[in-house]
ModelCIF file with pLDDT and N, C-alpha, C, O atoms, coordinates in Angstrom:
data_MODEL
#
_entry.id   MODEL 
#
_entity.id                         1 
_entity.type                       polymer 
_entity.pdbx_number_of_molecules   1 
#
_entity_poly.entity_id                      1 
_entity_poly.type                           'polypeptide(L)' 
_entity_poly.nstd_linkage                   no 
_entity_poly.nstd_monomer                   no 
_entity_poly.pdbx_seq_one_letter_code       CAAAGRTGSGDAMGWFRQAPGKERECVAAISRSGGNTFSADSVK 
_entity_poly.pdbx_seq_one_letter_code_can   CAAAGRTGSGDAMGWFRQAPGKERECVAAISRSGGNTFSADSVK 
_entity_poly.pdbx_strand_id                 A 
#
loop_
_entity_poly_seq.entity_id 
_entity_poly_seq.num 
_entity_poly_seq.mon_id 
_entity_poly_seq.hetero 
1 1  CYS n 
1 2  ALA n 
1 3  ALA n 
1 4  ALA n 
1 5  GLY n 
1 6  ARG n 
1 7  THR n 
1 8  GLY n 
1 9  SER n 
1 10 GLY n 
1 11 ASP n 
1 12 ALA n 
1 13 MET n 
1 14 GLY n 
1 15 TRP n 
1 16 PHE n 
1 17 ARG n 
1 18 GLN n 
1 19 ALA n 
1 20 PRO n 
1 21 GLY n 
1 22 LYS n 
1 23 GLU n 
1 24 ARG n 
1 25 GLU n 
1 26 CYS n 
1 27 VAL n 
1 28 ALA n 
1 29 ALA n 
1 30 ILE n 
1 31 SER n 
1 32 ARG n 
1 33 SER n 
1 34 GLY n 
1 35 GLY n 
1 36 ASN n 
1 37 THR n 
1 38 PHE n 
1 39 SER n 
1 40 ALA n 
1 41 ASP n 
1 42 SER n 
1 43 VAL n 
1 44 LYS n 
#
_struct_asym.id          A 
_struct_asym.entity_id   1 
#
loop_
_ma_qa_metric.id 
_ma_qa_metric.mode 
_ma_qa_metric.name 
_ma_qa_metric.software_group_id 
_ma_qa_metric.type 
1 global pLDDT . pLDDT 
2 local  pLDDT . pLDDT 
#
_ma_qa_metric_global.metric_id      1 
_ma_qa_metric_global.metric_value   92.55 
_ma_qa_metric_global.model_id       1 
_ma_qa_metric_global.ordinal_id     1 
#
loop_
_ma_qa_metric_local.label_asym_id 
_ma_qa_metric_local.label_comp_id 
_ma_qa_metric_local.label_seq_id 
_ma_qa_metric_local.metric_id 
_ma_qa_metric_local.metric_value 
_ma_qa_metric_local.model_id 
_ma_qa_metric_local.ordinal_id 
A CYS 1  2 95.00 1 1  
A ALA 2  2 94.00 1 2  
A ALA 3  2 92.00 1 3  
A ALA 4  2 89.00 1 4  
A GLY 5  2 84.00 1 5  
A ARG 6  2 75.00 1 6  
A THR 7  2 68.00 1 7  
A GLY 8  2 67.00 1 8  
A SER 9  2 69.00 1 9  
A GLY 10 2 84.00 1 10 
A ASP 11 2 91.00 1 11 
A ALA 12 2 95.00 1 12 
A MET 13 2 96.00 1 13 
A GLY 14 2 97.00 1 14 
A TRP 15 2 97.00 1 15 
A PHE 16 2 98.00 1 16 
A ARG 17 2 97.00 1 17 
A GLN 18 2 96.00 1 18 
A ALA 19 2 95.00 1 19 
A PRO 20 2 90.00 1 20 
A GLY 21 2 93.00 1 21 
A LYS 22 2 95.00 1 22 
A GLU 23 2 95.00 1 23 
A ARG 24 2 95.00 1 24 
A GLU 25 2 97.00 1 25 
A CYS 26 2 98.00 1 26 
A VAL 27 2 98.00 1 27 
A ALA 28 2 98.00 1 28 
A ALA 29 2 98.00 1 29 
A ILE 30 2 97.00 1 30 
A SER 31 2 96.00 1 31 
A ARG 32 2 93.00 1 32 
A SER 33 2 93.00 1 33 
A GLY 34 2 93.00 1 34 
A GLY 35 2 94.00 1 35 
A ASN 36 2 97.00 1 36 
A THR 37 2 97.00 1 37 
A PHE 38 2 98.00 1 38 
A SER 39 2 97.00 1 39 
A ALA 40 2 97.00 1 40 
A ASP 41 2 97.00 1 41 
A SER 42 2 95.00 1 42 
A VAL 43 2 96.00 1 43 
A LYS 44 2 96.00 1 44 
#
loop_
_atom_site.group_PDB 
_atom_site.id 
_atom_site.type_symbol 
_atom_site.label_atom_id 
_atom_site.label_alt_id 
_atom_site.label_comp_id 
_atom_site.label_asym_id 
_atom_site.label_entity_id 
_atom_site.label_seq_id 
_atom_site.pdbx_PDB_ins_code 
_atom_site.Cartn_x 
_atom_site.Cartn_y 
_atom_site.Cartn_z 
_atom_site.occupancy 
_atom_site.B_iso_or_equiv 
_atom_site.pdbx_formal_charge 
_atom_site.auth_seq_id 
_atom_site.auth_comp_id 
_atom_site.auth_asym_id 
_atom_site.auth_atom_id 
_atom_site.pdbx_PDB_model_num 
ATOM 1   N N  . CYS A 1 1  ? 83.735 137.407 179.232 1.00 95.00 ? 1  CYS A N  1 
ATOM 2   C CA . CYS A 1 1  ? 82.250 137.237 179.326 1.00 95.00 ? 1  CYS A CA 1 
ATOM 3   C C  . CYS A 1 1  ? 81.692 138.616 179.717 1.00 95.00 ? 1  CYS A C  1 
ATOM 4   O O  . CYS A 1 1  ? 81.925 139.083 180.832 1.00 95.00 ? 1  CYS A O  1 
ATOM 5   N N  . ALA A 1 2  ? 81.006 139.221 178.862 1.00 94.00 ? 2  ALA A N  1 
ATOM 6   C CA . ALA A 1 2  ? 80.458 140.517 179.045 1.00 94.00 ? 2  ALA A CA 1 
ATOM 7   C C  . ALA A 1 2  ? 78.938 140.410 179.330 1.00 94.00 ? 2  ALA A C  1 
ATOM 8   O O  . ALA A 1 2  ? 78.188 139.815 178.556 1.00 94.00 ? 2  ALA A O  1 
ATOM 9   N N  . ALA A 1 3  ? 78.497 141.023 180.500 1.00 92.00 ? 3  ALA A N  1 
ATOM 10  C CA . ALA A 1 3  ? 77.151 140.996 180.937 1.00 92.00 ? 3  ALA A CA 1 
ATOM 11  C C  . ALA A 1 3  ? 76.425 142.285 180.467 1.00 92.00 ? 3  ALA A C  1 
ATOM 12  O O  . ALA A 1 3  ? 76.844 143.417 180.710 1.00 92.00 ? 3  ALA A O  1 
ATOM 13  N N  . ALA A 1 4  ? 75.265 141.996 179.749 1.00 89.00 ? 4  ALA A N  1 
ATOM 14  C CA . ALA A 1 4  ? 74.481 143.118 179.267 1.00 89.00 ? 4  ALA A CA 1 
ATOM 15  C C  . ALA A 1 4  ? 73.085 143.028 180.045 1.00 89.00 ? 4  ALA A C  1 
ATOM 16  O O  . ALA A 1 4  ? 72.566 141.958 180.362 1.00 89.00 ? 4  ALA A O  1 
ATOM 17  N N  . GLY A 1 5  ? 72.568 144.235 180.301 1.00 84.00 ? 5  GLY A N  1 
ATOM 18  C CA . GLY A 1 5  ? 71.203 144.285 180.988 1.00 84.00 ? 5  GLY A CA 1 
ATOM 19  C C  . GLY A 1 5  ? 71.369 144.203 182.431 1.00 84.00 ? 5  GLY A C  1 
ATOM 20  O O  . GLY A 1 5  ? 70.336 144.092 183.091 1.00 84.00 ? 5  GLY A O  1 
ATOM 21  N N  . ARG A 1 6  ? 72.543 144.240 183.066 1.00 75.00 ? 6  ARG A N  1 
ATOM 22  C CA . ARG A 1 6  ? 72.685 144.259 184.496 1.00 75.00 ? 6  ARG A CA 1 
ATOM 23  C C  . ARG A 1 6  ? 72.465 145.590 185.105 1.00 75.00 ? 6  ARG A C  1 
ATOM 24  O O  . ARG A 1 6  ? 72.901 146.614 184.580 1.00 75.00 ? 6  ARG A O  1 
ATOM 25  N N  . THR A 1 7  ? 71.774 145.581 186.240 1.00 68.00 ? 7  THR A N  1 
ATOM 26  C CA . THR A 1 7  ? 71.643 146.806 187.114 1.00 68.00 ? 7  THR A CA 1 
ATOM 27  C C  . THR A 1 7  ? 72.515 146.611 188.264 1.00 68.00 ? 7  THR A C  1 
ATOM 28  O O  . THR A 1 7  ? 72.762 145.486 188.699 1.00 68.00 ? 7  THR A O  1 
ATOM 29  N N  . GLY A 1 8  ? 73.006 147.730 188.788 1.00 67.00 ? 8  GLY A N  1 
ATOM 30  C CA . GLY A 1 8  ? 73.907 147.699 189.971 1.00 67.00 ? 8  GLY A CA 1 
ATOM 31  C C  . GLY A 1 8  ? 75.362 147.443 189.496 1.00 67.00 ? 8  GLY A C  1 
ATOM 32  O O  . GLY A 1 8  ? 75.675 147.396 188.306 1.00 67.00 ? 8  GLY A O  1 
ATOM 33  N N  . SER A 1 9  ? 76.205 147.286 190.509 1.00 69.00 ? 9  SER A N  1 
ATOM 34  C CA . SER A 1 9  ? 77.594 147.158 190.200 1.00 69.00 ? 9  SER A CA 1 
ATOM 35  C C  . SER A 1 9  ? 78.145 145.684 190.423 1.00 69.00 ? 9  SER A C  1 
ATOM 36  O O  . SER A 1 9  ? 78.367 145.244 191.551 1.00 69.00 ? 9  SER A O  1 
ATOM 37  N N  . GLY A 1 10 ? 78.328 145.028 189.370 1.00 84.00 ? 10 GLY A N  1 
ATOM 38  C CA . GLY A 1 10 ? 78.999 143.673 189.481 1.00 84.00 ? 10 GLY A CA 1 
ATOM 39  C C  . GLY A 1 10 ? 78.172 142.653 189.971 1.00 84.00 ? 10 GLY A C  1 
ATOM 40  O O  . GLY A 1 10 ? 77.039 142.899 190.385 1.00 84.00 ? 10 GLY A O  1 
ATOM 41  N N  . ASP A 1 11 ? 78.714 141.381 189.952 1.00 91.00 ? 11 ASP A N  1 
ATOM 42  C CA . ASP A 1 11 ? 78.007 140.182 190.364 1.00 91.00 ? 11 ASP A CA 1 
ATOM 43  C C  . ASP A 1 11 ? 79.003 139.128 190.591 1.00 91.00 ? 11 ASP A C  1 
ATOM 44  O O  . ASP A 1 11 ? 80.093 139.162 190.020 1.00 91.00 ? 11 ASP A O  1 
ATOM 45  N N  . ALA A 1 12 ? 78.658 138.161 191.429 1.00 95.00 ? 12 ALA A N  1 
ATOM 46  C CA . ALA A 1 12 ? 79.555 136.987 191.571 1.00 95.00 ? 12 ALA A CA 1 
ATOM 47  C C  . ALA A 1 12 ? 79.500 136.172 190.288 1.00 95.00 ? 12 ALA A C  1 
ATOM 48  O O  . ALA A 1 12 ? 78.413 135.953 189.753 1.00 95.00 ? 12 ALA A O  1 
ATOM 49  N N  . MET A 1 13 ? 80.642 135.717 189.777 1.00 96.00 ? 13 MET A N  1 
ATOM 50  C CA . MET A 1 13 ? 80.761 135.074 188.559 1.00 96.00 ? 13 MET A CA 1 
ATOM 51  C C  . MET A 1 13 ? 81.529 133.787 188.634 1.00 96.00 ? 13 MET A C  1 
ATOM 52  O O  . MET A 1 13 ? 82.344 133.606 189.539 1.00 96.00 ? 13 MET A O  1 
ATOM 53  N N  . GLY A 1 14 ? 81.290 132.876 187.696 1.00 97.00 ? 14 GLY A N  1 
ATOM 54  C CA . GLY A 1 14 ? 81.927 131.664 187.685 1.00 97.00 ? 14 GLY A CA 1 
ATOM 55  C C  . GLY A 1 14 ? 82.220 131.127 186.244 1.00 97.00 ? 14 GLY A C  1 
ATOM 56  O O  . GLY A 1 14 ? 81.515 131.482 185.299 1.00 97.00 ? 14 GLY A O  1 
ATOM 57  N N  . TRP A 1 15 ? 83.209 130.319 186.100 1.00 97.00 ? 15 TRP A N  1 
ATOM 58  C CA . TRP A 1 15 ? 83.491 129.622 184.899 1.00 97.00 ? 15 TRP A CA 1 
ATOM 59  C C  . TRP A 1 15 ? 83.375 128.108 185.103 1.00 97.00 ? 15 TRP A C  1 
ATOM 60  O O  . TRP A 1 15 ? 83.962 127.558 186.034 1.00 97.00 ? 15 TRP A O  1 
ATOM 61  N N  . PHE A 1 16 ? 82.620 127.441 184.235 1.00 98.00 ? 16 PHE A N  1 
ATOM 62  C CA . PHE A 1 16 ? 82.426 125.993 184.266 1.00 98.00 ? 16 PHE A CA 1 
ATOM 63  C C  . PHE A 1 16 ? 82.885 125.404 182.933 1.00 98.00 ? 16 PHE A C  1 
ATOM 64  O O  . PHE A 1 16 ? 82.953 126.059 181.893 1.00 98.00 ? 16 PHE A O  1 
ATOM 65  N N  . ARG A 1 17 ? 83.178 124.178 183.049 1.00 97.00 ? 17 ARG A N  1 
ATOM 66  C CA . ARG A 1 17 ? 83.496 123.431 181.822 1.00 97.00 ? 17 ARG A CA 1 
ATOM 67  C C  . ARG A 1 17 ? 82.822 122.053 181.794 1.00 97.00 ? 17 ARG A C  1 
ATOM 68  O O  . ARG A 1 17 ? 82.507 121.466 182.829 1.00 97.00 ? 17 ARG A O  1 
ATOM 69  N N  . GLN A 1 18 ? 82.620 121.578 180.602 1.00 96.00 ? 18 GLN A N  1 
ATOM 70  C CA . GLN A 1 18 ? 82.017 120.213 180.448 1.00 96.00 ? 18 GLN A CA 1 
ATOM 71  C C  . GLN A 1 18 ? 82.767 119.570 179.351 1.00 96.00 ? 18 GLN A C  1 
ATOM 72  O O  . GLN A 1 18 ? 82.665 119.992 178.199 1.00 96.00 ? 18 GLN A O  1 
ATOM 73  N N  . ALA A 1 19 ? 83.543 118.533 179.673 1.00 95.00 ? 19 ALA A N  1 
ATOM 74  C CA . ALA A 1 19 ? 84.261 117.801 178.635 1.00 95.00 ? 19 ALA A CA 1 
ATOM 75  C C  . ALA A 1 19 ? 83.326 116.648 178.219 1.00 95.00 ? 19 ALA A C  1 
ATOM 76  O O  . ALA A 1 19 ? 82.411 116.283 178.956 1.00 95.00 ? 19 ALA A O  1 
ATOM 77  N N  . PRO A 1 20 ? 83.578 116.074 177.005 1.00 90.00 ? 20 PRO A N  1 
ATOM 78  C CA . PRO A 1 20 ? 82.844 114.952 176.503 1.00 90.00 ? 20 PRO A CA 1 
ATOM 79  C C  . PRO A 1 20 ? 82.754 113.802 177.462 1.00 90.00 ? 20 PRO A C  1 
ATOM 80  O O  . PRO A 1 20 ? 83.769 113.281 177.925 1.00 90.00 ? 20 PRO A O  1 
ATOM 81  N N  . GLY A 1 21 ? 81.489 113.388 177.774 1.00 93.00 ? 21 GLY A N  1 
ATOM 82  C CA . GLY A 1 21 ? 81.329 112.252 178.615 1.00 93.00 ? 21 GLY A CA 1 
ATOM 83  C C  . GLY A 1 21 ? 81.492 112.492 180.150 1.00 93.00 ? 21 GLY A C  1 
ATOM 84  O O  . GLY A 1 21 ? 81.442 111.572 180.967 1.00 93.00 ? 21 GLY A O  1 
ATOM 85  N N  . LYS A 1 22 ? 81.679 113.725 180.457 1.00 95.00 ? 22 LYS A N  1 
ATOM 86  C CA . LYS A 1 22 ? 81.883 114.146 181.817 1.00 95.00 ? 22 LYS A CA 1 
ATOM 87  C C  . LYS A 1 22 ? 80.819 115.128 182.281 1.00 95.00 ? 22 LYS A C  1 
ATOM 88  O O  . LYS A 1 22 ? 80.130 115.736 181.462 1.00 95.00 ? 22 LYS A O  1 
ATOM 89  N N  . GLU A 1 23 ? 80.677 115.293 183.673 1.00 95.00 ? 23 GLU A N  1 
ATOM 90  C CA . GLU A 1 23 ? 79.765 116.211 184.210 1.00 95.00 ? 23 GLU A CA 1 
ATOM 91  C C  . GLU A 1 23 ? 80.278 117.627 184.187 1.00 95.00 ? 23 GLU A C  1 
ATOM 92  O O  . GLU A 1 23 ? 81.497 117.795 184.233 1.00 95.00 ? 23 GLU A O  1 
ATOM 93  N N  . ARG A 1 24 ? 79.470 118.657 184.121 1.00 95.00 ? 24 ARG A N  1 
ATOM 94  C CA . ARG A 1 24 ? 80.027 119.994 184.195 1.00 95.00 ? 24 ARG A CA 1 
ATOM 95  C C  . ARG A 1 24 ? 80.619 120.274 185.574 1.00 95.00 ? 24 ARG A C  1 
ATOM 96  O O  . ARG A 1 24 ? 80.065 119.915 186.612 1.00 95.00 ? 24 ARG A O  1 
ATOM 97  N N  . GLU A 1 25 ? 81.742 120.915 185.527 1.00 97.00 ? 25 GLU A N  1 
ATOM 98  C CA . GLU A 1 25 ? 82.414 121.313 186.755 1.00 97.00 ? 25 GLU A CA 1 
ATOM 99  C C  . GLU A 1 25 ? 82.829 122.798 186.800 1.00 97.00 ? 25 GLU A C  1 
ATOM 100 O O  . GLU A 1 25 ? 83.101 123.426 185.777 1.00 97.00 ? 25 GLU A O  1 
ATOM 101 N N  . CYS A 1 26 ? 82.863 123.322 188.036 1.00 98.00 ? 26 CYS A N  1 
ATOM 102 C CA . CYS A 1 26 ? 83.232 124.685 188.242 1.00 98.00 ? 26 CYS A CA 1 
ATOM 103 C C  . CYS A 1 26 ? 84.764 124.764 188.344 1.00 98.00 ? 26 CYS A C  1 
ATOM 104 O O  . CYS A 1 26 ? 85.361 124.209 189.266 1.00 98.00 ? 26 CYS A O  1 
ATOM 105 N N  . VAL A 1 27 ? 85.406 125.477 187.360 1.00 98.00 ? 27 VAL A N  1 
ATOM 106 C CA . VAL A 1 27 ? 86.854 125.543 187.427 1.00 98.00 ? 27 VAL A CA 1 
ATOM 107 C C  . VAL A 1 27 ? 87.344 126.811 188.144 1.00 98.00 ? 27 VAL A C  1 
ATOM 108 O O  . VAL A 1 27 ? 88.449 126.812 188.686 1.00 98.00 ? 27 VAL A O  1 
ATOM 109 N N  . ALA A 1 28 ? 86.534 127.906 188.158 1.00 98.00 ? 28 ALA A N  1 
ATOM 110 C CA . ALA A 1 28 ? 86.886 129.055 188.842 1.00 98.00 ? 28 ALA A CA 1 
ATOM 111 C C  . ALA A 1 28 ? 85.656 129.898 189.243 1.00 98.00 ? 28 ALA A C  1 
ATOM 112 O O  . ALA A 1 28 ? 84.607 129.833 188.603 1.00 98.00 ? 28 ALA A O  1 
ATOM 113 N N  . ALA A 1 29 ? 85.815 130.682 190.312 1.00 98.00 ? 29 ALA A N  1 
ATOM 114 C CA . ALA A 1 29 ? 84.668 131.500 190.712 1.00 98.00 ? 29 ALA A CA 1 
ATOM 115 C C  . ALA A 1 29 ? 85.196 132.765 191.395 1.00 98.00 ? 29 ALA A C  1 
ATOM 116 O O  . ALA A 1 29 ? 86.306 132.744 191.926 1.00 98.00 ? 29 ALA A O  1 
ATOM 117 N N  . ILE A 1 30 ? 84.469 133.815 191.398 1.00 97.00 ? 30 ILE A N  1 
ATOM 118 C CA . ILE A 1 30 ? 84.885 135.042 192.011 1.00 97.00 ? 30 ILE A CA 1 
ATOM 119 C C  . ILE A 1 30 ? 83.765 135.801 192.765 1.00 97.00 ? 30 ILE A C  1 
ATOM 120 O O  . ILE A 1 30 ? 82.642 135.797 192.261 1.00 97.00 ? 30 ILE A O  1 
ATOM 121 N N  . SER A 1 31 ? 83.958 136.384 193.813 1.00 96.00 ? 31 SER A N  1 
ATOM 122 C CA . SER A 1 31 ? 82.937 137.127 194.526 1.00 96.00 ? 31 SER A CA 1 
ATOM 123 C C  . SER A 1 31 ? 82.615 138.452 193.820 1.00 96.00 ? 31 SER A C  1 
ATOM 124 O O  . SER A 1 31 ? 83.366 138.896 192.952 1.00 96.00 ? 31 SER A O  1 
ATOM 125 N N  . ARG A 1 32 ? 81.540 139.051 194.184 1.00 93.00 ? 32 ARG A N  1 
ATOM 126 C CA . ARG A 1 32 ? 81.123 140.264 193.560 1.00 93.00 ? 32 ARG A CA 1 
ATOM 127 C C  . ARG A 1 32 ? 82.198 141.368 193.805 1.00 93.00 ? 32 ARG A C  1 
ATOM 128 O O  . ARG A 1 32 ? 82.472 142.167 192.910 1.00 93.00 ? 32 ARG A O  1 
ATOM 129 N N  . SER A 1 33 ? 82.770 141.403 194.957 1.00 93.00 ? 33 SER A N  1 
ATOM 130 C CA . SER A 1 33 ? 83.815 142.343 195.325 1.00 93.00 ? 33 SER A CA 1 
ATOM 131 C C  . SER A 1 33 ? 85.065 142.165 194.542 1.00 93.00 ? 33 SER A C  1 
ATOM 132 O O  . SER A 1 33 ? 85.862 143.094 194.414 1.00 93.00 ? 33 SER A O  1 
ATOM 133 N N  . GLY A 1 34 ? 85.270 140.914 193.977 1.00 93.00 ? 34 GLY A N  1 
ATOM 134 C CA . GLY A 1 34 ? 86.552 140.497 193.350 1.00 93.00 ? 34 GLY A CA 1 
ATOM 135 C C  . GLY A 1 34 ? 87.653 140.083 194.358 1.00 93.00 ? 34 GLY A C  1 
ATOM 136 O O  . GLY A 1 34 ? 88.756 139.699 193.969 1.00 93.00 ? 34 GLY A O  1 
ATOM 137 N N  . GLY A 1 35 ? 87.323 140.172 195.636 1.00 94.00 ? 35 GLY A N  1 
ATOM 138 C CA . GLY A 1 35 ? 88.347 139.921 196.607 1.00 94.00 ? 35 GLY A CA 1 
ATOM 139 C C  . GLY A 1 35 ? 88.474 138.529 196.995 1.00 94.00 ? 35 GLY A C  1 
ATOM 140 O O  . GLY A 1 35 ? 89.462 138.162 197.631 1.00 94.00 ? 35 GLY A O  1 
ATOM 141 N N  . ASN A 1 36 ? 87.502 137.683 196.644 1.00 97.00 ? 36 ASN A N  1 
ATOM 142 C CA . ASN A 1 36 ? 87.639 136.256 196.966 1.00 97.00 ? 36 ASN A CA 1 
ATOM 143 C C  . ASN A 1 36 ? 87.521 135.398 195.719 1.00 97.00 ? 36 ASN A C  1 
ATOM 144 O O  . ASN A 1 36 ? 86.606 135.594 194.920 1.00 97.00 ? 36 ASN A O  1 
ATOM 145 N N  . THR A 1 37 ? 88.409 134.473 195.544 1.00 97.00 ? 37 THR A N  1 
ATOM 146 C CA . THR A 1 37 ? 88.373 133.606 194.369 1.00 97.00 ? 37 THR A CA 1 
ATOM 147 C C  . THR A 1 37 ? 88.536 132.170 194.695 1.00 97.00 ? 37 THR A C  1 
ATOM 148 O O  . THR A 1 37 ? 89.043 131.812 195.758 1.00 97.00 ? 37 THR A O  1 
ATOM 149 N N  . PHE A 1 38 ? 88.093 131.301 193.746 1.00 98.00 ? 38 PHE A N  1 
ATOM 150 C CA . PHE A 1 38 ? 88.224 129.839 193.971 1.00 98.00 ? 38 PHE A CA 1 
ATOM 151 C C  . PHE A 1 38 ? 88.750 129.325 192.642 1.00 98.00 ? 38 PHE A C  1 
ATOM 152 O O  . PHE A 1 38 ? 88.365 129.789 191.569 1.00 98.00 ? 38 PHE A O  1 
ATOM 153 N N  . SER A 1 39 ? 89.661 128.330 192.753 1.00 97.00 ? 39 SER A N  1 
ATOM 154 C CA . SER A 1 39 ? 90.165 127.678 191.514 1.00 97.00 ? 39 SER A CA 1 
ATOM 155 C C  . SER A 1 39 ? 90.071 126.088 191.820 1.00 97.00 ? 39 SER A C  1 
ATOM 156 O O  . SER A 1 39 ? 90.393 125.645 192.922 1.00 97.00 ? 39 SER A O  1 
ATOM 157 N N  . ALA A 1 40 ? 89.671 125.376 190.912 1.00 97.00 ? 40 ALA A N  1 
ATOM 158 C CA . ALA A 1 40 ? 89.636 123.897 191.105 1.00 97.00 ? 40 ALA A CA 1 
ATOM 159 C C  . ALA A 1 40 ? 91.063 123.387 191.195 1.00 97.00 ? 40 ALA A C  1 
ATOM 160 O O  . ALA A 1 40 ? 91.954 123.984 190.590 1.00 97.00 ? 40 ALA A O  1 
ATOM 161 N N  . ASP A 1 41 ? 91.301 122.374 191.880 1.00 97.00 ? 41 ASP A N  1 
ATOM 162 C CA . ASP A 1 41 ? 92.617 121.742 191.938 1.00 97.00 ? 41 ASP A CA 1 
ATOM 163 C C  . ASP A 1 41 ? 93.259 121.474 190.653 1.00 97.00 ? 41 ASP A C  1 
ATOM 164 O O  . ASP A 1 41 ? 94.467 121.622 190.468 1.00 97.00 ? 41 ASP A O  1 
ATOM 165 N N  . SER A 1 42 ? 92.353 121.042 189.691 1.00 95.00 ? 42 SER A N  1 
ATOM 166 C CA . SER A 1 42 ? 92.884 120.667 188.325 1.00 95.00 ? 42 SER A CA 1 
ATOM 167 C C  . SER A 1 42 ? 93.445 121.839 187.542 1.00 95.00 ? 42 SER A C  1 
ATOM 168 O O  . SER A 1 42 ? 94.188 121.600 186.590 1.00 95.00 ? 42 SER A O  1 
ATOM 169 N N  . VAL A 1 43 ? 93.148 123.077 187.870 1.00 96.00 ? 43 VAL A N  1 
ATOM 170 C CA . VAL A 1 43 ? 93.563 124.209 187.151 1.00 96.00 ? 43 VAL A CA 1 
ATOM 171 C C  . VAL A 1 43 ? 94.371 125.148 187.969 1.00 96.00 ? 43 VAL A C  1 
ATOM 172 O O  . VAL A 1 43 ? 94.868 126.142 187.439 1.00 96.00 ? 43 VAL A O  1 
ATOM 173 N N  . LYS A 1 44 ? 94.534 124.885 189.253 1.00 96.00 ? 44 LYS A N  1 
ATOM 174 C CA . LYS A 1 44 ? 95.107 125.841 190.178 1.00 96.00 ? 44 LYS A CA 1 
ATOM 175 C C  . LYS A 1 44 ? 96.551 126.131 189.735 1.00 96.00 ? 44 LYS A C  1 
ATOM 176 O O  . LYS A 1 44 ? 97.246 126.922 190.374 1.00 96.00 ? 44 LYS A O  1 
#
């Protein structure tokens, strides 16, 4: 996922998914520093 048009260095990012008939869920997220991350139990 490449970000264009961003000013400054980095940003907190996340990955979400939506399966048919289901709500969108966050599967992974990362802080702007890159030092803190989250993974959903289903993908850990």
